[in-house]
Amino acid sequence: MSYWPAELTVETLEADAVAATGLDDFGDRDYREGLNVLLGDYRRHVRFDAAGAAGTRAMLTGVLVQRLKAQHSLRQTRRARIP
């Protein structure tokens, strides 16, 4: 059975990442267009079972978590350099 949650959007993935980290600065939002394309392709072409969809959601959320952490680290580094 093919399964991909209709409610899974860039916004829900971002919300999951924010909830996991407490951070909310993703930096430049240019990545959102590509992520929308990827999610659309998953909906149209990939046949996930429930476990596959959950694993893919966790992986994509993890990527956004790392983006949040990288942005936070960059911001902290910039602050440390500015006297």
Protein backbone atom coordinates (compact mmCIF):
# COMPACT_ATOMS: atom_id res chain seq x y z
CA MET A 1 0.00 0.00 0.00
CA SER A 2 1.30 3.43 -0.96
CA TYR A 3 1.40 5.92 1.86
CA TRP A 4 2.50 9.52 2.10
CA PRO A 5 0.88 11.81 4.66
CA ALA A 6 -0.94 14.65 2.90
CA GLU A 7 -0.29 16.96 5.85
CA LEU A 8 3.47 16.63 5.43
CA THR A 9 4.67 19.94 4.03
CA VAL A 10 7.76 22.11 4.25
CA GLU A 11 6.00 23.99 7.04
CA THR A 12 5.30 20.85 9.09
CA LEU A 13 8.88 19.64 8.66
CA GLU A 14 10.17 23.05 9.75
CA ALA A 15 7.84 22.99 12.76
CA ASP A 16 9.14 19.54 13.72
CA ALA A 17 12.74 20.81 13.52
CA VAL A 18 11.95 23.92 15.56
CA ALA A 19 10.21 21.78 18.19
CA ALA A 20 13.22 19.46 18.36
CA THR A 21 15.78 22.23 18.80
CA GLY A 22 14.07 25.32 20.19
CA LEU A 23 15.80 27.24 17.39
CA ASP A 24 13.94 29.03 14.59
CA ASP A 25 16.51 30.67 12.28
CA PHE A 26 16.87 28.57 9.14
CA GLY A 27 18.92 31.25 7.41
CA ASP A 28 18.33 31.77 3.71
CA ARG A 29 15.02 30.13 2.76
CA ASP A 30 16.03 29.22 -0.79
CA TYR A 31 16.05 25.52 0.18
CA ARG A 32 12.26 25.55 0.52
CA GLU A 33 11.60 25.43 -3.24
CA GLY A 34 13.69 22.30 -3.70
CA LEU A 35 12.17 20.66 -0.64
CA ASN A 36 8.68 21.37 -2.02
CA VAL A 37 9.67 19.70 -5.29
CA LEU A 38 11.03 16.67 -3.42
CA LEU A 39 7.86 16.33 -1.34
CA GLY A 40 5.73 16.62 -4.47
CA ASP A 41 7.75 13.90 -6.16
CA TYR A 42 7.33 11.67 -3.11
CA ARG A 43 3.56 12.17 -3.27
CA ARG A 44 3.35 11.42 -6.98
CA HIS A 45 5.98 8.76 -7.62
CA VAL A 46 7.19 6.95 -4.51
CA ARG A 47 5.29 4.11 -2.89
CA PHE A 48 6.14 4.24 0.80
CA ASP A 49 4.63 2.01 3.44
CA ALA A 50 3.90 3.68 6.80
CA ALA A 51 7.37 2.84 8.16
CA GLY A 52 9.08 4.19 5.04
CA ALA A 53 7.12 7.44 5.21
CA ALA A 54 7.94 7.83 8.92
CA GLY A 55 11.63 7.15 8.30
CA THR A 56 11.75 9.63 5.44
CA ARG A 57 10.01 12.26 7.56
CA ALA A 58 12.55 11.70 10.34
CA MET A 59 15.43 11.98 7.86
CA LEU A 60 14.12 15.23 6.35
CA THR A 61 13.43 16.67 9.80
CA GLY A 62 16.98 15.72 10.77
CA VAL A 63 18.37 17.65 7.82
CA LEU A 64 16.42 20.73 8.93
CA VAL A 65 17.57 20.24 12.53
CA GLN A 66 21.17 20.30 11.31
CA ARG A 67 20.46 23.45 9.29
CA LEU A 68 19.09 25.16 12.39
CA LYS A 69 22.13 24.11 14.43
CA ALA A 70 24.51 25.31 11.71
CA GLN A 71 22.78 28.70 11.54
CA HIS A 72 22.90 29.00 15.32
CA SER A 73 26.61 28.16 15.35
CA LEU A 74 27.35 30.68 12.60
CA ARG A 75 25.47 33.37 14.48
CA GLN A 76 27.37 32.58 17.70
CA THR A 77 30.72 32.67 15.84
CA ARG A 78 29.90 36.05 14.28
CA ARG A 79 28.99 37.47 17.69
CA ALA A 80 32.24 36.22 19.21
CA ARG A 81 34.27 38.00 16.50
CA ILE A 82 32.54 41.36 16.85
CA PRO A 83 34.07 43.32 19.73
